[in-house]
Amino acid sequence: LALTSAVVMATASECTIYGLHDGAAATA
């Protein structure tokens, strides 16, 4: 279980978050 947990976390894929800053266009 410990090894599986480490592998699952280490292989977490990249995530793109889009956020608004001061009413401007969304930044990735």
PDB file of all heavy atoms in Angstrom:
ATOM      1  N   LEU A   1       0.820  -1.213   0.000  1.00  0.00           N
ATOM      2  CA  LEU A   1       0.000   0.000   0.000  1.00  0.00           C
ATOM      3  C   LEU A   1       0.852   1.260   0.000  1.00  0.00           C
ATOM      4  O   LEU A   1       0.542   2.230  -0.706  1.00  0.00           O
ATOM      5  CB  LEU A   1      -0.933  -0.012   1.207  1.00  0.00           C
ATOM      6  CG  LEU A   1      -2.062  -1.046   1.166  1.00  0.00           C
ATOM      7  CD1 LEU A   1      -2.724  -1.171   2.527  1.00  0.00           C
ATOM      8  CD2 LEU A   1      -3.087  -0.687   0.105  1.00  0.00           C
ATOM      9  N   ALA A   2       1.939   1.268   0.783  1.00  0.00           N
ATOM     10  CA  ALA A   2       2.803   2.452   0.827  1.00  0.00           C
ATOM     11  C   ALA A   2       3.459   2.694  -0.528  1.00  0.00           C
ATOM     12  O   ALA A   2       3.532   3.834  -1.006  1.00  0.00           O
ATOM     13  CB  ALA A   2       3.866   2.291   1.913  1.00  0.00           C
ATOM     14  N   LEU A   3       3.928   1.622  -1.149  1.00  0.00           N
ATOM     15  CA  LEU A   3       4.558   1.776  -2.462  1.00  0.00           C
ATOM     16  C   LEU A   3       3.535   2.224  -3.507  1.00  0.00           C
ATOM     17  O   LEU A   3       3.820   3.104  -4.335  1.00  0.00           O
ATOM     18  CB  LEU A   3       5.214   0.458  -2.879  1.00  0.00           C
ATOM     19  CG  LEU A   3       5.995   0.488  -4.185  1.00  0.00           C
ATOM     20  CD1 LEU A   3       7.130   1.500  -4.118  1.00  0.00           C
ATOM     21  CD2 LEU A   3       6.538  -0.895  -4.516  1.00  0.00           C
ATOM     22  N   THR A   4       2.341   1.660  -3.465  1.00  0.00           N
ATOM     23  CA  THR A   4       1.293   2.050  -4.415  1.00  0.00           C
ATOM     24  C   THR A   4       0.919   3.516  -4.246  1.00  0.00           C
ATOM     25  O   THR A   4       0.763   4.252  -5.227  1.00  0.00           O
ATOM     26  CB  THR A   4       0.044   1.167  -4.217  1.00  0.00           C
ATOM     27  OG1 THR A   4       0.414  -0.201  -4.397  1.00  0.00           O
ATOM     28  CG2 THR A   4      -1.039   1.525  -5.216  1.00  0.00           C
ATOM     29  N   SER A   5       0.789   3.964  -2.998  1.00  0.00           N
ATOM     30  CA  SER A   5       0.443   5.362  -2.744  1.00  0.00           C
ATOM     31  C   SER A   5       1.506   6.301  -3.300  1.00  0.00           C
ATOM     32  O   SER A   5       1.185   7.318  -3.921  1.00  0.00           O
ATOM     33  CB  SER A   5       0.281   5.580  -1.238  1.00  0.00           C
ATOM     34  OG  SER A   5       0.077   6.936  -0.955  1.00  0.00           O
ATOM     35  N   ALA A   6       2.784   5.947  -3.097  1.00  0.00           N
ATOM     36  CA  ALA A   6       3.868   6.785  -3.609  1.00  0.00           C
ATOM     37  C   ALA A   6       3.862   6.835  -5.133  1.00  0.00           C
ATOM     38  O   ALA A   6       4.044   7.898  -5.739  1.00  0.00           O
ATOM     39  CB  ALA A   6       5.215   6.271  -3.095  1.00  0.00           C
ATOM     40  N   VAL A   7       3.628   5.688  -5.771  1.00  0.00           N
ATOM     41  CA  VAL A   7       3.626   5.639  -7.238  1.00  0.00           C
ATOM     42  C   VAL A   7       2.447   6.424  -7.802  1.00  0.00           C
ATOM     43  O   VAL A   7       2.586   7.175  -8.779  1.00  0.00           O
ATOM     44  CB  VAL A   7       3.603   4.174  -7.726  1.00  0.00           C
ATOM     45  CG1 VAL A   7       3.335   4.104  -9.218  1.00  0.00           C
ATOM     46  CG2 VAL A   7       4.919   3.483  -7.393  1.00  0.00           C
ATOM     47  N   VAL A   8       1.273   6.284  -7.189  1.00  0.00           N
ATOM     48  CA  VAL A   8       0.091   7.012  -7.666  1.00  0.00           C
ATOM     49  C   VAL A   8       0.316   8.514  -7.564  1.00  0.00           C
ATOM     50  O   VAL A   8      -0.006   9.272  -8.485  1.00  0.00           O
ATOM     51  CB  VAL A   8      -1.166   6.578  -6.878  1.00  0.00           C
ATOM     52  CG1 VAL A   8      -2.336   7.508  -7.161  1.00  0.00           C
ATOM     53  CG2 VAL A   8      -1.549   5.150  -7.227  1.00  0.00           C
ATOM     54  N   MET A   9       0.897   8.964  -6.452  1.00  0.00           N
ATOM     55  CA  MET A   9       1.144  10.396  -6.298  1.00  0.00           C
ATOM     56  C   MET A   9       2.240  10.875  -7.251  1.00  0.00           C
ATOM     57  O   MET A   9       2.120  11.945  -7.861  1.00  0.00           O
ATOM     58  CB  MET A   9       1.542  10.707  -4.851  1.00  0.00           C
ATOM     59  CG  MET A   9       1.755  12.183  -4.584  1.00  0.00           C
ATOM     60  SD  MET A   9       0.233  13.166  -4.727  1.00  0.00           S
ATOM     61  CE  MET A   9      -0.515  12.825  -3.137  1.00  0.00           C
ATOM     62  N   ALA A  10       3.301  10.086  -7.404  1.00  0.00           N
ATOM     63  CA  ALA A  10       4.424  10.509  -8.248  1.00  0.00           C
ATOM     64  C   ALA A  10       4.055  10.553  -9.725  1.00  0.00           C
ATOM     65  O   ALA A  10       4.663  11.291 -10.498  1.00  0.00           O
ATOM     66  CB  ALA A  10       5.621   9.586  -8.043  1.00  0.00           C
ATOM     67  N   THR A  11       3.061   9.776 -10.113  1.00  0.00           N
ATOM     68  CA  THR A  11       2.654   9.766 -11.520  1.00  0.00           C
ATOM     69  C   THR A  11       1.444  10.653 -11.776  1.00  0.00           C
ATOM     70  O   THR A  11       0.818  10.546 -12.836  1.00  0.00           O
ATOM     71  CB  THR A  11       2.330   8.327 -11.976  1.00  0.00           C
ATOM     72  OG1 THR A  11       1.315   7.775 -11.131  1.00  0.00           O
ATOM     73  CG2 THR A  11       3.568   7.446 -11.919  1.00  0.00           C
ATOM     74  N   ALA A  12       1.112  11.501 -10.811  1.00  0.00           N
ATOM     75  CA  ALA A  12      -0.009  12.426 -11.008  1.00  0.00           C
ATOM     76  C   ALA A  12       0.287  13.327 -12.208  1.00  0.00           C
ATOM     77  O   ALA A  12       1.328  13.966 -12.273  1.00  0.00           O
ATOM     78  CB  ALA A  12      -0.239  13.257  -9.750  1.00  0.00           C
ATOM     79  N   SER A  13      -0.628  13.333 -13.131  1.00  0.00           N
ATOM     80  CA  SER A  13      -0.396  14.069 -14.373  1.00  0.00           C
ATOM     81  C   SER A  13      -0.501  15.577 -14.138  1.00  0.00           C
ATOM     82  O   SER A  13      -1.054  16.037 -13.146  1.00  0.00           O
ATOM     83  CB  SER A  13      -1.419  13.645 -15.428  1.00  0.00           C
ATOM     84  OG  SER A  13      -2.732  13.851 -14.945  1.00  0.00           O
ATOM     85  N   GLU A  14       0.060  16.313 -15.072  1.00  0.00           N
ATOM     86  CA  GLU A  14       0.007  17.771 -14.978  1.00  0.00           C
ATOM     87  C   GLU A  14      -1.437  18.250 -15.059  1.00  0.00           C
ATOM     88  O   GLU A  14      -2.281  17.642 -15.700  1.00  0.00           O
ATOM     89  CB  GLU A  14       0.812  18.404 -16.111  1.00  0.00           C
ATOM     90  CG  GLU A  14       2.304  18.176 -16.008  1.00  0.00           C
ATOM     91  CD  GLU A  14       3.056  18.875 -17.116  1.00  0.00           C
ATOM     92  OE1 GLU A  14       2.401  19.338 -18.066  1.00  0.00           O
ATOM     93  OE2 GLU A  14       4.289  18.955 -17.023  1.00  0.00           O
ATOM     94  N   CYS A  15      -1.670  19.364 -14.402  1.00  0.00           N
ATOM     95  CA  CYS A  15      -3.005  19.947 -14.397  1.00  0.00           C
ATOM     96  C   CYS A  15      -2.897  21.409 -14.809  1.00  0.00           C
ATOM     97  O   CYS A  15      -2.013  22.130 -14.345  1.00  0.00           O
ATOM     98  CB  CYS A  15      -3.609  19.820 -13.002  1.00  0.00           C
ATOM     99  SG  CYS A  15      -5.122  20.770 -12.784  1.00  0.00           S
ATOM    100  N   THR A  16      -3.777  21.828 -15.679  1.00  0.00           N
ATOM    101  CA  THR A  16      -3.807  23.217 -16.124  1.00  0.00           C
ATOM    102  C   THR A  16      -4.998  23.909 -15.473  1.00  0.00           C
ATOM    103  O   THR A  16      -6.142  23.505 -15.654  1.00  0.00           O
ATOM    104  CB  THR A  16      -3.921  23.308 -17.655  1.00  0.00           C
ATOM    105  OG1 THR A  16      -2.841  22.587 -18.243  1.00  0.00           O
ATOM    106  CG2 THR A  16      -3.888  24.752 -18.108  1.00  0.00           C
ATOM    107  N   ILE A  17      -4.681  24.939 -14.684  1.00  0.00           N
ATOM    108  CA  ILE A  17      -5.727  25.698 -13.989  1.00  0.00           C
ATOM    109  C   ILE A  17      -5.858  27.049 -14.673  1.00  0.00           C
ATOM    110  O   ILE A  17      -4.862  27.737 -14.913  1.00  0.00           O
ATOM    111  CB  ILE A  17      -5.366  25.888 -12.499  1.00  0.00           C
ATOM    112  CG1 ILE A  17      -5.194  24.534 -11.812  1.00  0.00           C
ATOM    113  CG2 ILE A  17      -6.417  26.713 -11.790  1.00  0.00           C
ATOM    114  CD1 ILE A  17      -4.701  24.639 -10.387  1.00  0.00           C
ATOM    115  N   TYR A  18      -7.085  27.418 -14.982  1.00  0.00           N
ATOM    116  CA  TYR A  18      -7.358  28.715 -15.599  1.00  0.00           C
ATOM    117  C   TYR A  18      -7.975  29.622 -14.545  1.00  0.00           C
ATOM    118  O   TYR A  18      -9.004  29.300 -13.949  1.00  0.00           O
ATOM    119  CB  TYR A  18      -8.311  28.561 -16.789  1.00  0.00           C
ATOM    120  CG  TYR A  18      -7.713  27.766 -17.914  1.00  0.00           C
ATOM    121  CD1 TYR A  18      -7.938  26.394 -17.995  1.00  0.00           C
ATOM    122  CD2 TYR A  18      -6.925  28.372 -18.874  1.00  0.00           C
ATOM    123  CE1 TYR A  18      -7.384  25.648 -19.021  1.00  0.00           C
ATOM    124  CE2 TYR A  18      -6.361  27.634 -19.907  1.00  0.00           C
ATOM    125  CZ  TYR A  18      -6.592  26.279 -19.971  1.00  0.00           C
ATOM    126  OH  TYR A  18      -6.030  25.545 -20.984  1.00  0.00           O
ATOM    127  N   GLY A  19      -7.329  30.757 -14.320  1.00  0.00           N
ATOM    128  CA  GLY A  19      -7.828  31.689 -13.317  1.00  0.00           C
ATOM    129  C   GLY A  19      -7.940  33.093 -13.875  1.00  0.00           C
ATOM    130  O   GLY A  19      -7.250  33.462 -14.827  1.00  0.00           O
ATOM    131  N   LEU A  20      -8.828  33.880 -13.293  1.00  0.00           N
ATOM    132  CA  LEU A  20      -9.017  35.276 -13.697  1.00  0.00           C
ATOM    133  C   LEU A  20      -8.237  36.187 -12.761  1.00  0.00           C
ATOM    134  O   LEU A  20      -8.258  36.001 -11.544  1.00  0.00           O
ATOM    135  CB  LEU A  20     -10.504  35.634 -13.670  1.00  0.00           C
ATOM    136  CG  LEU A  20     -11.397  34.904 -14.676  1.00  0.00           C
ATOM    137  CD1 LEU A  20     -12.848  35.277 -14.429  1.00  0.00           C
ATOM    138  CD2 LEU A  20     -10.999  35.274 -16.097  1.00  0.00           C
ATOM    139  N   HIS A  21      -7.556  37.151 -13.320  1.00  0.00           N
ATOM    140  CA  HIS A  21      -6.806  38.114 -12.515  1.00  0.00           C
ATOM    141  C   HIS A  21      -7.281  39.520 -12.863  1.00  0.00           C
ATOM    142  O   HIS A  21      -7.111  39.991 -13.980  1.00  0.00           O
ATOM    143  CB  HIS A  21      -5.301  37.995 -12.792  1.00  0.00           C
ATOM    144  CG  HIS A  21      -4.723  36.705 -12.294  1.00  0.00           C
ATOM    145  ND1 HIS A  21      -4.519  36.453 -10.959  1.00  0.00           N
ATOM    146  CD2 HIS A  21      -4.319  35.590 -12.960  1.00  0.00           C
ATOM    147  CE1 HIS A  21      -3.990  35.243 -10.817  1.00  0.00           C
ATOM    148  NE2 HIS A  21      -3.870  34.707 -12.021  1.00  0.00           N
ATOM    149  N   ASP A  22      -7.904  40.192 -11.885  1.00  0.00           N
ATOM    150  CA  ASP A  22      -8.351  41.586 -12.029  1.00  0.00           C
ATOM    151  C   ASP A  22      -9.249  41.777 -13.250  1.00  0.00           C
ATOM    152  O   ASP A  22      -9.123  42.752 -13.991  1.00  0.00           O
ATOM    153  CB  ASP A  22      -7.139  42.523 -12.135  1.00  0.00           C
ATOM    154  CG  ASP A  22      -6.284  42.480 -10.875  1.00  0.00           C
ATOM    155  OD1 ASP A  22      -6.864  42.242  -9.792  1.00  0.00           O
ATOM    156  OD2 ASP A  22      -5.061  42.682 -10.984  1.00  0.00           O
ATOM    157  N   GLY A  23     -10.129  40.824 -13.488  1.00  0.00           N
ATOM    158  CA  GLY A  23     -11.065  40.953 -14.594  1.00  0.00           C
ATOM    159  C   GLY A  23     -10.455  40.742 -15.955  1.00  0.00           C
ATOM    160  O   GLY A  23     -11.130  40.873 -16.964  1.00  0.00           O
ATOM    161  N   ALA A  24      -9.164  40.423 -16.004  1.00  0.00           N
ATOM    162  CA  ALA A  24      -8.508  40.187 -17.299  1.00  0.00           C
ATOM    163  C   ALA A  24      -8.852  38.792 -17.793  1.00  0.00           C
ATOM    164  O   ALA A  24      -9.590  38.046 -17.158  1.00  0.00           O
ATOM    165  CB  ALA A  24      -6.997  40.363 -17.151  1.00  0.00           C
ATOM    166  N   ALA A  25      -8.304  38.460 -18.934  1.00  0.00           N
ATOM    167  CA  ALA A  25      -8.559  37.145 -19.512  1.00  0.00           C
ATOM    168  C   ALA A  25      -7.967  36.060 -18.617  1.00  0.00           C
ATOM    169  O   ALA A  25      -7.051  36.314 -17.829  1.00  0.00           O
ATOM    170  CB  ALA A  25      -7.954  37.070 -20.917  1.00  0.00           C
ATOM    171  N   ALA A  26      -8.511  34.884 -18.764  1.00  0.00           N
ATOM    172  CA  ALA A  26      -8.056  33.763 -17.956  1.00  0.00           C
ATOM    173  C   ALA A  26      -6.614  33.422 -18.287  1.00  0.00           C
ATOM    174  O   ALA A  26      -6.218  33.386 -19.449  1.00  0.00           O
ATOM    175  CB  ALA A  26      -8.946  32.550 -18.213  1.00  0.00           C
ATOM    176  N   THR A  27      -5.829  33.193 -17.222  1.00  0.00           N
ATOM    177  CA  THR A  27      -4.436  32.798 -17.408  1.00  0.00           C
ATOM    178  C   THR A  27      -4.292  31.322 -17.023  1.00  0.00           C
ATOM    179  O   THR A  27      -4.904  30.862 -16.054  1.00  0.00           O
ATOM    180  CB  THR A  27      -3.499  33.639 -16.530  1.00  0.00           C
ATOM    181  OG1 THR A  27      -3.902  33.495 -15.168  1.00  0.00           O
ATOM    182  CG2 THR A  27      -3.556  35.101 -16.937  1.00  0.00           C
ATOM    183  N   ALA A  28      -3.475  30.629 -17.793  1.00  0.00           N
ATOM    184  CA  ALA A  28      -3.293  29.189 -17.563  1.00  0.00           C
ATOM    185  C   ALA A  28      -2.076  28.960 -16.675  1.00  0.00           C
ATOM    186  O   ALA A  28      -1.012  29.530 -16.906  1.00  0.00           O
ATOM    187  CB  ALA A  28      -3.113  28.472 -18.888  1.00  0.00           C
TER     188      ALA A  28
END
